[in-house]
Amino acid sequence: MKFLLSLFACCCMLSAAVAQTPAQAAFLKTETRRIEDQFVRRVIDITRLPEPQVRAAMPAEGRITEPSARVAAGIEKQLGEPLTEEQKQAIARADDERRAALAAAREAARSK
């Protein structure tokens, strides 16, 4: 019984921490889309591939994966040849910037 009460208390705390107002949710959705679009543009600049091919190489939303590795592998598969190390590193840097921007957007949404 103690375990169930503890579990219930933890769930209540987590749901309060995750709950967002409609304005916060809208802000975060808009910022996430903007950040993801910026990442796609960076990958387009790095690889010179058209947008549909870059988007096709991206992991599905919500999928737990390493986006930079997934994008690089998807692009290599489409091209039929490996990306250069410089391109892979540039994609990884763009992904790091994307992650930092998403974290900042989540933090900013909390204060809305």
PDB file of N, CA and C in Angstrom:
ATOM      1  N   MET A   1       0.821  -1.192   0.000  1.00  0.00           N
ATOM      2  CA  MET A   1       0.000   0.000   0.000  1.00  0.00           C
ATOM      3  C   MET A   1       0.865   1.257   0.000  1.00  0.00           C
ATOM      4  N   LYS A   2       1.966   1.228   0.777  1.00  0.00           N
ATOM      5  CA  LYS A   2       2.875   2.380   0.794  1.00  0.00           C
ATOM      6  C   LYS A   2       3.423   2.649  -0.600  1.00  0.00           C
ATOM      7  N   PHE A   3       3.744   1.561  -1.298  1.00  0.00           N
ATOM      8  CA  PHE A   3       4.285   1.704  -2.647  1.00  0.00           C
ATOM      9  C   PHE A   3       3.279   2.410  -3.554  1.00  0.00           C
ATOM     10  N   LEU A   4       2.022   2.000  -3.476  1.00  0.00           N
ATOM     11  CA  LEU A   4       0.996   2.614  -4.322  1.00  0.00           C
ATOM     12  C   LEU A   4       0.808   4.088  -3.987  1.00  0.00           C
ATOM     13  N   LEU A   5       0.837   4.415  -2.701  1.00  0.00           N
ATOM     14  CA  LEU A   5       0.718   5.817  -2.308  1.00  0.00           C
ATOM     15  C   LEU A   5       1.914   6.626  -2.799  1.00  0.00           C
ATOM     16  N   SER A   6       3.095   6.047  -2.691  1.00  0.00           N
ATOM     17  CA  SER A   6       4.304   6.726  -3.178  1.00  0.00           C
ATOM     18  C   SER A   6       4.238   6.924  -4.683  1.00  0.00           C
ATOM     19  N   LEU A   7       3.799   5.901  -5.380  1.00  0.00           N
ATOM     20  CA  LEU A   7       3.671   5.985  -6.830  1.00  0.00           C
ATOM     21  C   LEU A   7       2.649   7.056  -7.219  1.00  0.00           C
ATOM     22  N   PHE A   8       1.527   7.086  -6.521  1.00  0.00           N
ATOM     23  CA  PHE A   8       0.503   8.094  -6.786  1.00  0.00           C
ATOM     24  C   PHE A   8       1.053   9.495  -6.542  1.00  0.00           C
ATOM     25  N   ALA A   9       1.782   9.681  -5.452  1.00  0.00           N
ATOM     26  CA  ALA A   9       2.361  10.992  -5.137  1.00  0.00           C
ATOM     27  C   ALA A   9       3.345  11.423  -6.221  1.00  0.00           C
ATOM     28  N   CYS A  10       4.167  10.495  -6.677  1.00  0.00           N
ATOM     29  CA  CYS A  10       5.132  10.816  -7.741  1.00  0.00           C
ATOM     30  C   CYS A  10       4.413  11.200  -9.028  1.00  0.00           C
ATOM     31  N   CYS A  11       3.370  10.465  -9.362  1.00  0.00           N
ATOM     32  CA  CYS A  11       2.608  10.774 -10.580  1.00  0.00           C
ATOM     33  C   CYS A  11       1.977  12.155 -10.490  1.00  0.00           C
ATOM     34  N   CYS A  12       1.457  12.491  -9.318  1.00  0.00           N
ATOM     35  CA  CYS A  12       0.846  13.815  -9.137  1.00  0.00           C
ATOM     36  C   CYS A  12       1.887  14.915  -9.299  1.00  0.00           C
ATOM     37  N   MET A  13       3.064  14.704  -8.732  1.00  0.00           N
ATOM     38  CA  MET A  13       4.121  15.713  -8.859  1.00  0.00           C
ATOM     39  C   MET A  13       4.552  15.863 -10.306  1.00  0.00           C
ATOM     40  N   LEU A  14       4.699  14.751 -11.007  1.00  0.00           N
ATOM     41  CA  LEU A  14       5.125  14.810 -12.403  1.00  0.00           C
ATOM     42  C   LEU A  14       4.067  15.457 -13.277  1.00  0.00           C
ATOM     43  N   SER A  15       2.807  15.137 -13.050  1.00  0.00           N
ATOM     44  CA  SER A  15       1.769  15.725 -13.893  1.00  0.00           C
ATOM     45  C   SER A  15       1.684  17.225 -13.679  1.00  0.00           C
ATOM     46  N   ALA A  16       1.926  17.688 -12.460  1.00  0.00           N
ATOM     47  CA  ALA A  16       1.923  19.129 -12.208  1.00  0.00           C
ATOM     48  C   ALA A  16       3.102  19.795 -12.901  1.00  0.00           C
ATOM     49  N   ALA A  17       4.233  19.108 -12.934  1.00  0.00           N
ATOM     50  CA  ALA A  17       5.425  19.677 -13.564  1.00  0.00           C
ATOM     51  C   ALA A  17       5.287  19.721 -15.080  1.00  0.00           C
ATOM     52  N   VAL A  18       4.530  18.792 -15.648  1.00  0.00           N
ATOM     53  CA  VAL A  18       4.412  18.693 -17.091  1.00  0.00           C
ATOM     54  C   VAL A  18       3.212  19.482 -17.621  1.00  0.00           C
ATOM     55  N   ALA A  19       2.209  19.719 -16.780  1.00  0.00           N
ATOM     56  CA  ALA A  19       0.996  20.407 -17.225  1.00  0.00           C
ATOM     57  C   ALA A  19       1.335  21.779 -17.790  1.00  0.00           C
ATOM     58  N   GLN A  20       0.713  22.090 -18.909  1.00  0.00           N
ATOM     59  CA  GLN A  20       0.950  23.374 -19.571  1.00  0.00           C
ATOM     60  C   GLN A  20      -0.381  24.064 -19.818  1.00  0.00           C
ATOM     61  N   THR A  21      -0.335  25.370 -19.802  1.00  0.00           N
ATOM     62  CA  THR A  21      -1.511  26.133 -20.196  1.00  0.00           C
ATOM     63  C   THR A  21      -1.615  26.060 -21.720  1.00  0.00           C
ATOM     64  N   PRO A  22      -2.777  26.375 -22.278  1.00  0.00           N
ATOM     65  CA  PRO A  22      -2.885  26.399 -23.742  1.00  0.00           C
ATOM     66  C   PRO A  22      -1.875  27.354 -24.382  1.00  0.00           C
ATOM     67  N   ALA A  23      -1.622  28.489 -23.737  1.00  0.00           N
ATOM     68  CA  ALA A  23      -0.645  29.445 -24.284  1.00  0.00           C
ATOM     69  C   ALA A  23       0.757  28.854 -24.275  1.00  0.00           C
ATOM     70  N   GLN A  24       1.106  28.149 -23.203  1.00  0.00           N
ATOM     71  CA  GLN A  24       2.426  27.518 -23.124  1.00  0.00           C
ATOM     72  C   GLN A  24       2.569  26.441 -24.192  1.00  0.00           C
ATOM     73  N   ALA A  25       1.530  25.630 -24.353  1.00  0.00           N
ATOM     74  CA  ALA A  25       1.571  24.561 -25.354  1.00  0.00           C
ATOM     75  C   ALA A  25       1.696  25.135 -26.762  1.00  0.00           C
ATOM     76  N   ALA A  26       0.948  26.199 -27.041  1.00  0.00           N
ATOM     77  CA  ALA A  26       1.016  26.825 -28.370  1.00  0.00           C
ATOM     78  C   ALA A  26       2.393  27.422 -28.619  1.00  0.00           C
ATOM     79  N   PHE A  27       2.937  28.102 -27.607  1.00  0.00           N
ATOM     80  CA  PHE A  27       4.271  28.689 -27.728  1.00  0.00           C
ATOM     81  C   PHE A  27       5.301  27.602 -28.009  1.00  0.00           C
ATOM     82  N   LEU A  28       5.251  26.528 -27.230  1.00  0.00           N
ATOM     83  CA  LEU A  28       6.233  25.457 -27.394  1.00  0.00           C
ATOM     84  C   LEU A  28       6.091  24.777 -28.753  1.00  0.00           C
ATOM     85  N   LYS A  29       4.867  24.586 -29.215  1.00  0.00           N
ATOM     86  CA  LYS A  29       4.657  23.971 -30.531  1.00  0.00           C
ATOM     87  C   LYS A  29       5.242  24.847 -31.637  1.00  0.00           C
ATOM     88  N   THR A  30       4.990  26.149 -31.553  1.00  0.00           N
ATOM     89  CA  THR A  30       5.510  27.081 -32.556  1.00  0.00           C
ATOM     90  C   THR A  30       7.032  27.118 -32.532  1.00  0.00           C
ATOM     91  N   GLU A  31       7.598  27.196 -31.333  1.00  0.00           N
ATOM     92  CA  GLU A  31       9.056  27.240 -31.209  1.00  0.00           C
ATOM     93  C   GLU A  31       9.694  25.940 -31.680  1.00  0.00           C
ATOM     94  N   THR A  32       9.083  24.818 -31.348  1.00  0.00           N
ATOM     95  CA  THR A  32       9.618  23.525 -31.779  1.00  0.00           C
ATOM     96  C   THR A  32       9.635  23.438 -33.300  1.00  0.00           C
ATOM     97  N   ARG A  33       8.554  23.863 -33.932  1.00  0.00           N
ATOM     98  CA  ARG A  33       8.492  23.840 -35.401  1.00  0.00           C
ATOM     99  C   ARG A  33       9.577  24.740 -35.997  1.00  0.00           C
ATOM    100  N   ARG A  34       9.735  25.942 -35.423  1.00  0.00           N
ATOM    101  CA  ARG A  34      10.745  26.882 -35.920  1.00  0.00           C
ATOM    102  C   ARG A  34      12.150  26.297 -35.767  1.00  0.00           C
ATOM    103  N   ILE A  35      12.425  25.695 -34.625  1.00  0.00           N
ATOM    104  CA  ILE A  35      13.745  25.116 -34.357  1.00  0.00           C
ATOM    105  C   ILE A  35      14.008  23.934 -35.284  1.00  0.00           C
ATOM    106  N   GLU A  36      13.021  23.075 -35.470  1.00  0.00           N
ATOM    107  CA  GLU A  36      13.185  21.928 -36.373  1.00  0.00           C
ATOM    108  C   GLU A  36      13.396  22.393 -37.815  1.00  0.00           C
ATOM    109  N   ASP A  37      12.650  23.416 -38.234  1.00  0.00           N
ATOM    110  CA  ASP A  37      12.830  23.960 -39.588  1.00  0.00           C
ATOM    111  C   ASP A  37      14.229  24.538 -39.766  1.00  0.00           C
ATOM    112  N   GLN A  38      14.727  25.198 -38.738  1.00  0.00           N
ATOM    113  CA  GLN A  38      16.080  25.757 -38.788  1.00  0.00           C
ATOM    114  C   GLN A  38      17.115  24.635 -38.908  1.00  0.00           C
ATOM    115  N   PHE A  39      16.911  23.545 -38.171  1.00  0.00           N
ATOM    116  CA  PHE A  39      17.807  22.394 -38.255  1.00  0.00           C
ATOM    117  C   PHE A  39      17.798  21.827 -39.675  1.00  0.00           C
ATOM    118  N   VAL A  40      16.618  21.694 -40.261  1.00  0.00           N
ATOM    119  CA  VAL A  40      16.508  21.177 -41.631  1.00  0.00           C
ATOM    120  C   VAL A  40      17.271  22.083 -42.595  1.00  0.00           C
ATOM    121  N   ARG A  41      17.103  23.399 -42.445  1.00  0.00           N
ATOM    122  CA  ARG A  41      17.831  24.334 -43.328  1.00  0.00           C
ATOM    123  C   ARG A  41      19.343  24.177 -43.169  1.00  0.00           C
ATOM    124  N   ARG A  42      19.802  23.975 -41.936  1.00  0.00           N
ATOM    125  CA  ARG A  42      21.238  23.782 -41.718  1.00  0.00           C
ATOM    126  C   ARG A  42      21.723  22.516 -42.419  1.00  0.00           C
ATOM    127  N   VAL A  43      20.951  21.441 -42.316  1.00  0.00           N
ATOM    128  CA  VAL A  43      21.346  20.185 -42.964  1.00  0.00           C
ATOM    129  C   VAL A  43      21.312  20.347 -44.481  1.00  0.00           C
ATOM    130  N   ILE A  44      20.349  21.094 -44.999  1.00  0.00           N
ATOM    131  CA  ILE A  44      20.300  21.373 -46.439  1.00  0.00           C
ATOM    132  C   ILE A  44      21.567  22.113 -46.862  1.00  0.00           C
ATOM    133  N   ASP A  45      21.976  23.112 -46.086  1.00  0.00           N
ATOM    134  CA  ASP A  45      23.202  23.860 -46.397  1.00  0.00           C
ATOM    135  C   ASP A  45      24.433  22.960 -46.363  1.00  0.00           C
ATOM    136  N   ILE A  46      24.448  22.007 -45.441  1.00  0.00           N
ATOM    137  CA  ILE A  46      25.598  21.112 -45.279  1.00  0.00           C
ATOM    138  C   ILE A  46      25.663  20.090 -46.410  1.00  0.00           C
ATOM    139  N   THR A  47      24.515  19.521 -46.772  1.00  0.00           N
ATOM    140  CA  THR A  47      24.499  18.405 -47.724  1.00  0.00           C
ATOM    141  C   THR A  47      24.120  18.797 -49.146  1.00  0.00           C
ATOM    142  N   ARG A  48      23.508  19.977 -49.310  1.00  0.00           N
ATOM    143  CA  ARG A  48      23.021  20.443 -50.615  1.00  0.00           C
ATOM    144  C   ARG A  48      21.911  19.550 -51.173  1.00  0.00           C
ATOM    145  N   LEU A  49      21.212  18.849 -50.295  1.00  0.00           N
ATOM    146  CA  LEU A  49      20.078  18.031 -50.724  1.00  0.00           C
ATOM    147  C   LEU A  49      18.798  18.851 -50.644  1.00  0.00           C
ATOM    148  N   PRO A  50      17.789  18.492 -51.430  1.00  0.00           N
ATOM    149  CA  PRO A  50      16.511  19.202 -51.342  1.00  0.00           C
ATOM    150  C   PRO A  50      15.801  18.883 -50.016  1.00  0.00           C
ATOM    151  N   GLU A  51      14.957  19.808 -49.604  1.00  0.00           N
ATOM    152  CA  GLU A  51      14.263  19.682 -48.315  1.00  0.00           C
ATOM    153  C   GLU A  51      13.515  18.359 -48.141  1.00  0.00           C
ATOM    154  N   PRO A  52      12.769  17.881 -49.143  1.00  0.00           N
ATOM    155  CA  PRO A  52      12.042  16.619 -48.932  1.00  0.00           C
ATOM    156  C   PRO A  52      12.967  15.447 -48.579  1.00  0.00           C
ATOM    157  N   GLN A  53      14.151  15.420 -49.176  1.00  0.00           N
ATOM    158  CA  GLN A  53      15.083  14.336 -48.875  1.00  0.00           C
ATOM    159  C   GLN A  53      15.621  14.458 -47.456  1.00  0.00           C
ATOM    160  N   VAL A  54      15.895  15.673 -47.009  1.00  0.00           N
ATOM    161  CA  VAL A  54      16.388  15.869 -45.641  1.00  0.00           C
ATOM    162  C   VAL A  54      15.295  15.489 -44.649  1.00  0.00           C
ATOM    163  N   ARG A  55      14.081  15.946 -44.895  1.00  0.00           N
ATOM    164  CA  ARG A  55      12.971  15.618 -43.979  1.00  0.00           C
ATOM    165  C   ARG A  55      12.708  14.112 -43.946  1.00  0.00           C
ATOM    166  N   ALA A  56      12.870  13.446 -45.075  1.00  0.00           N
ATOM    167  CA  ALA A  56      12.668  11.996 -45.113  1.00  0.00           C
ATOM    168  C   ALA A  56      13.707  11.267 -44.271  1.00  0.00           C
ATOM    169  N   ALA A  57      14.879  11.857 -44.112  1.00  0.00           N
ATOM    170  CA  ALA A  57      15.947  11.229 -43.339  1.00  0.00           C
ATOM    171  C   ALA A  57      15.803  11.468 -41.837  1.00  0.00           C
ATOM    172  N   MET A  58      14.918  12.379 -41.454  1.00  0.00           N
ATOM    173  CA  MET A  58      14.763  12.703 -40.037  1.00  0.00           C
ATOM    174  C   MET A  58      13.933  11.639 -39.328  1.00  0.00           C
ATOM    175  N   PRO A  59      14.271  11.361 -38.059  1.00  0.00           N
ATOM    176  CA  PRO A  59      13.485  10.382 -37.304  1.00  0.00           C
ATOM    177  C   PRO A  59      12.075  10.899 -37.042  1.00  0.00           C
ATOM    178  N   ALA A  60      11.153   9.979 -36.882  1.00  0.00           N
ATOM    179  CA  ALA A  60       9.768  10.356 -36.589  1.00  0.00           C
ATOM    180  C   ALA A  60       9.709  11.128 -35.281  1.00  0.00           C
ATOM    181  N   GLU A  61       8.772  12.060 -35.203  1.00  0.00           N
ATOM    182  CA  GLU A  61       8.620  12.879 -34.000  1.00  0.00           C
ATOM    183  C   GLU A  61       8.334  11.983 -32.800  1.00  0.00           C
ATOM    184  N   GLY A  62       9.022  12.262 -31.713  1.00  0.00           N
ATOM    185  CA  GLY A  62       8.827  11.494 -30.497  1.00  0.00           C
ATOM    186  C   GLY A  62       9.646  10.223 -30.427  1.00  0.00           C
ATOM    187  N   ARG A  63      10.316   9.879 -31.491  1.00  0.00           N
ATOM    188  CA  ARG A  63      11.127   8.667 -31.498  1.00  0.00           C
ATOM    189  C   ARG A  63      12.421   8.916 -30.746  1.00  0.00           C
ATOM    190  N   ILE A  64      12.765   7.994 -29.864  1.00  0.00           N
ATOM    191  CA  ILE A  64      13.982   8.133 -29.080  1.00  0.00           C
ATOM    192  C   ILE A  64      15.138   7.619 -29.924  1.00  0.00           C
ATOM    193  N   THR A  65      15.932   8.546 -30.390  1.00  0.00           N
ATOM    194  CA  THR A  65      17.062   8.205 -31.245  1.00  0.00           C
ATOM    195  C   THR A  65      18.035   9.367 -31.258  1.00  0.00           C
ATOM    196  N   GLU A  66      19.176   9.172 -31.810  1.00  0.00           N
ATOM    197  CA  GLU A  66      20.177  10.229 -31.966  1.00  0.00           C
ATOM    198  C   GLU A  66      19.927  10.873 -33.328  1.00  0.00           C
ATOM    199  N   PRO A  67      19.249  12.028 -33.371  1.00  0.00           N
ATOM    200  CA  PRO A  67      18.866  12.611 -34.662  1.00  0.00           C
ATOM    201  C   PRO A  67      20.025  12.831 -35.628  1.00  0.00           C
ATOM    202  N   SER A  68      21.160  13.314 -35.143  1.00  0.00           N
ATOM    203  CA  SER A  68      22.251  13.593 -36.083  1.00  0.00           C
ATOM    204  C   SER A  68      22.735  12.315 -36.761  1.00  0.00           C
ATOM    205  N   ALA A  69      22.852  11.235 -36.008  1.00  0.00           N
ATOM    206  CA  ALA A  69      23.288   9.966 -36.590  1.00  0.00           C
ATOM    207  C   ALA A  69      22.219   9.417 -37.533  1.00  0.00           C
ATOM    208  N   ARG A  70      20.960   9.550 -37.139  1.00  0.00           N
ATOM    209  CA  ARG A  70      19.856   9.055 -37.962  1.00  0.00           C
ATOM    210  C   ARG A  70      19.762   9.836 -39.270  1.00  0.00           C
ATOM    211  N   VAL A  71      19.900  11.147 -39.184  1.00  0.00           N
ATOM    212  CA  VAL A  71      19.846  11.989 -40.383  1.00  0.00           C
ATOM    213  C   VAL A  71      21.011  11.654 -41.305  1.00  0.00           C
ATOM    214  N   ALA A  72      22.215  11.562 -40.749  1.00  0.00           N
ATOM    215  CA  ALA A  72      23.392  11.246 -41.567  1.00  0.00           C
ATOM    216  C   ALA A  72      23.225   9.892 -42.254  1.00  0.00           C
ATOM    217  N   ALA A  73      22.766   8.892 -41.507  1.00  0.00           N
ATOM    218  CA  ALA A  73      22.583   7.559 -42.092  1.00  0.00           C
ATOM    219  C   ALA A  73      21.512   7.577 -43.183  1.00  0.00           C
ATOM    220  N   GLY A  74      20.430   8.299 -42.942  1.00  0.00           N
ATOM    221  CA  GLY A  74      19.364   8.386 -43.941  1.00  0.00           C
ATOM    222  C   GLY A  74      19.816   9.079 -45.210  1.00  0.00           C
ATOM    223  N   ILE A  75      20.593  10.133 -45.046  1.00  0.00           N
ATOM    224  CA  ILE A  75      21.101  10.860 -46.217  1.00  0.00           C
ATOM    225  C   ILE A  75      22.098  10.001 -46.987  1.00  0.00           C
ATOM    226  N   GLU A  76      22.967   9.308 -46.260  1.00  0.00           N
ATOM    227  CA  GLU A  76      23.928   8.421 -46.931  1.00  0.00           C
ATOM    228  C   GLU A  76      23.200   7.340 -47.727  1.00  0.00           C
ATOM    229  N   LYS A  77      22.127   6.821 -47.155  1.00  0.00           N
ATOM    230  CA  LYS A  77      21.354   5.789 -47.857  1.00  0.00           C
ATOM    231  C   LYS A  77      20.743   6.363 -49.134  1.00  0.00           C
ATOM    232  N   GLN A  78      20.208   7.577 -49.046  1.00  0.00           N
ATOM    233  CA  GLN A  78      19.611   8.207 -50.226  1.00  0.00           C
ATOM    234  C   GLN A  78      20.658   8.508 -51.291  1.00  0.00           C
ATOM    235  N   LEU A  79      21.825   8.975 -50.848  1.00  0.00           N
ATOM    236  CA  LEU A  79      22.890   9.328 -51.790  1.00  0.00           C
ATOM    237  C   LEU A  79      23.585   8.105 -52.370  1.00  0.00           C
ATOM    238  N   GLY A  80      23.593   7.021 -51.598  1.00  0.00           N
ATOM    239  CA  GLY A  80      24.322   5.839 -52.015  1.00  0.00           C
ATOM    240  C   GLY A  80      25.819   5.976 -51.808  1.00  0.00           C
ATOM    241  N   GLU A  81      26.206   6.955 -51.005  1.00  0.00           N
ATOM    242  CA  GLU A  81      27.625   7.162 -50.686  1.00  0.00           C
ATOM    243  C   GLU A  81      27.718   7.829 -49.314  1.00  0.00           C
ATOM    244  N   PRO A  82      28.851   7.650 -48.651  1.00  0.00           N
ATOM    245  CA  PRO A  82      28.981   8.228 -47.308  1.00  0.00           C
ATOM    246  C   PRO A  82      29.177   9.745 -47.337  1.00  0.00           C
ATOM    247  N   LEU A  83      28.714  10.383 -46.275  1.00  0.00           N
ATOM    248  CA  LEU A  83      29.005  11.804 -46.083  1.00  0.00           C
ATOM    249  C   LEU A  83      30.450  11.932 -45.620  1.00  0.00           C
ATOM    250  N   THR A  84      31.020  13.093 -45.815  1.00  0.00           N
ATOM    251  CA  THR A  84      32.378  13.315 -45.315  1.00  0.00           C
ATOM    252  C   THR A  84      32.315  13.463 -43.795  1.00  0.00           C
ATOM    253  N   GLU A  85      33.443  13.294 -43.151  1.00  0.00           N
ATOM    254  CA  GLU A  85      33.499  13.488 -41.696  1.00  0.00           C
ATOM    255  C   GLU A  85      33.108  14.915 -41.333  1.00  0.00           C
ATOM    256  N   GLU A  86      33.512  15.862 -42.170  1.00  0.00           N
ATOM    257  CA  GLU A  86      33.165  17.265 -41.913  1.00  0.00           C
ATOM    258  C   GLU A  86      31.651  17.456 -41.948  1.00  0.00           C
ATOM    259  N   GLN A  87      30.995  16.821 -42.912  1.00  0.00           N
ATOM    260  CA  GLN A  87      29.537  16.931 -43.002  1.00  0.00           C
ATOM    261  C   GLN A  87      28.865  16.290 -41.783  1.00  0.00           C
ATOM    262  N   LYS A  88      29.344  15.116 -41.388  1.00  0.00           N
ATOM    263  CA  LYS A  88      28.780  14.448 -40.214  1.00  0.00           C
ATOM    264  C   LYS A  88      28.967  15.298 -38.961  1.00  0.00           C
ATOM    265  N   GLN A  89      30.153  15.889 -38.814  1.00  0.00           N
ATOM    266  CA  GLN A  89      30.411  16.738 -37.647  1.00  0.00           C
ATOM    267  C   GLN A  89      29.546  17.994 -37.680  1.00  0.00           C
ATOM    268  N   ALA A  90      29.353  18.561 -38.856  1.00  0.00           N
ATOM    269  CA  ALA A  90      28.513  19.756 -38.981  1.00  0.00           C
ATOM    270  C   ALA A  90      27.057  19.425 -38.641  1.00  0.00           C
ATOM    271  N   ILE A  91      26.582  18.263 -39.062  1.00  0.00           N
ATOM    272  CA  ILE A  91      25.221  17.840 -38.720  1.00  0.00           C
ATOM    273  C   ILE A  91      25.109  17.624 -37.212  1.00  0.00           C
ATOM    274  N   ALA A  92      26.129  17.024 -36.611  1.00  0.00           N
ATOM    275  CA  ALA A  92      26.123  16.816 -35.157  1.00  0.00           C
ATOM    276  C   ALA A  92      26.101  18.153 -34.416  1.00  0.00           C
ATOM    277  N   ARG A  93      26.865  19.130 -34.893  1.00  0.00           N
ATOM    278  CA  ARG A  93      26.854  20.463 -34.258  1.00  0.00           C
ATOM    279  C   ARG A  93      25.480  21.114 -34.402  1.00  0.00           C
ATOM    280  N   ALA A  94      24.896  20.994 -35.586  1.00  0.00           N
ATOM    281  CA  ALA A  94      23.558  21.554 -35.807  1.00  0.00           C
ATOM    282  C   ALA A  94      22.544  20.881 -34.883  1.00  0.00           C
ATOM    283  N   ASP A  95      22.699  19.584 -34.663  1.00  0.00           N
ATOM    284  CA  ASP A  95      21.795  18.869 -33.768  1.00  0.00           C
ATOM    285  C   ASP A  95      21.999  19.315 -32.318  1.00  0.00           C
ATOM    286  N   ASP A  96      23.248  19.534 -31.924  1.00  0.00           N
ATOM    287  CA  ASP A  96      23.516  20.045 -30.571  1.00  0.00           C
ATOM    288  C   ASP A  96      22.851  21.403 -30.372  1.00  0.00           C
ATOM    289  N   GLU A  97      22.954  22.255 -31.382  1.00  0.00           N
ATOM    290  CA  GLU A  97      22.311  23.574 -31.307  1.00  0.00           C
ATOM    291  C   GLU A  97      20.793  23.430 -31.260  1.00  0.00           C
ATOM    292  N   ARG A  98      20.265  22.479 -32.015  1.00  0.00           N
ATOM    293  CA  ARG A  98      18.823  22.215 -32.021  1.00  0.00           C
ATOM    294  C   ARG A  98      18.363  21.789 -30.634  1.00  0.00           C
ATOM    295  N   ARG A  99      19.098  20.878 -30.021  1.00  0.00           N
ATOM    296  CA  ARG A  99      18.737  20.396 -28.677  1.00  0.00           C
ATOM    297  C   ARG A  99      18.783  21.520 -27.652  1.00  0.00           C
ATOM    298  N   ALA A 100      19.817  22.347 -27.724  1.00  0.00           N
ATOM    299  CA  ALA A 100      19.932  23.474 -26.788  1.00  0.00           C
ATOM    300  C   ALA A 100      18.775  24.454 -26.983  1.00  0.00           C
ATOM    301  N   ALA A 101      18.423  24.716 -28.232  1.00  0.00           N
ATOM    302  CA  ALA A 101      17.313  25.632 -28.518  1.00  0.00           C
ATOM    303  C   ALA A 101      15.990  25.052 -28.027  1.00  0.00           C
ATOM    304  N   LEU A 102      15.800  23.740 -28.185  1.00  0.00           N
ATOM    305  CA  LEU A 102      14.575  23.109 -27.696  1.00  0.00           C
ATOM    306  C   LEU A 102      14.491  23.180 -26.175  1.00  0.00           C
ATOM    307  N   ALA A 103      15.616  22.955 -25.500  1.00  0.00           N
ATOM    308  CA  ALA A 103      15.634  23.053 -24.036  1.00  0.00           C
ATOM    309  C   ALA A 103      15.306  24.476 -23.595  1.00  0.00           C
ATOM    310  N   ALA A 104      15.860  25.462 -24.282  1.00  0.00           N
ATOM    311  CA  ALA A 104      15.577  26.861 -23.956  1.00  0.00           C
ATOM    312  C   ALA A 104      14.105  27.184 -24.215  1.00  0.00           C
ATOM    313  N   ALA A 105      13.546  26.637 -25.276  1.00  0.00           N
ATOM    314  CA  ALA A 105      12.130  26.876 -25.584  1.00  0.00           C
ATOM    315  C   ALA A 105      11.233  26.253 -24.521  1.00  0.00           C
ATOM    316  N   ARG A 106      11.581  25.046 -24.059  1.00  0.00           N
ATOM    317  CA  ARG A 106      10.794  24.413 -22.996  1.00  0.00           C
ATOM    318  C   ARG A 106      10.843  25.252 -21.721  1.00  0.00           C
ATOM    319  N   GLU A 107      12.017  25.771 -21.413  1.00  0.00           N
ATOM    320  CA  GLU A 107      12.169  26.625 -20.227  1.00  0.00           C
ATOM    321  C   GLU A 107      11.376  27.921 -20.392  1.00  0.00           C
ATOM    322  N   ALA A 108      11.440  28.513 -21.565  1.00  0.00           N
ATOM    323  CA  ALA A 108      10.706  29.755 -21.819  1.00  0.00           C
ATOM    324  C   ALA A 108       9.198  29.518 -21.755  1.00  0.00           C
ATOM    325  N   ALA A 109       8.747  28.349 -22.204  1.00  0.00           N
ATOM    326  CA  ALA A 109       7.314  28.038 -22.174  1.00  0.00           C
ATOM    327  C   ALA A 109       6.801  27.985 -20.741  1.00  0.00           C
ATOM    328  N   ARG A 110       7.640  27.539 -19.827  1.00  0.00           N
ATOM    329  CA  ARG A 110       7.227  27.461 -18.422  1.00  0.00           C
ATOM    330  C   ARG A 110       6.924  28.836 -17.844  1.00  0.00           C
ATOM    331  N   SER A 111       7.604  29.851 -18.351  1.00  0.00           N
ATOM    332  CA  SER A 111       7.418  31.194 -17.798  1.00  0.00           C
ATOM    333  C   SER A 111       6.326  31.985 -18.513  1.00  0.00           C
ATOM    334  N   LYS A 112       5.708  31.388 -19.521  1.00  0.00           N
ATOM    335  CA  LYS A 112       4.639  32.083 -20.267  1.00  0.00           C
ATOM    336  C   LYS A 112       3.342  32.043 -19.495  1.00  0.00           C
TER     337      LYS A 112
END
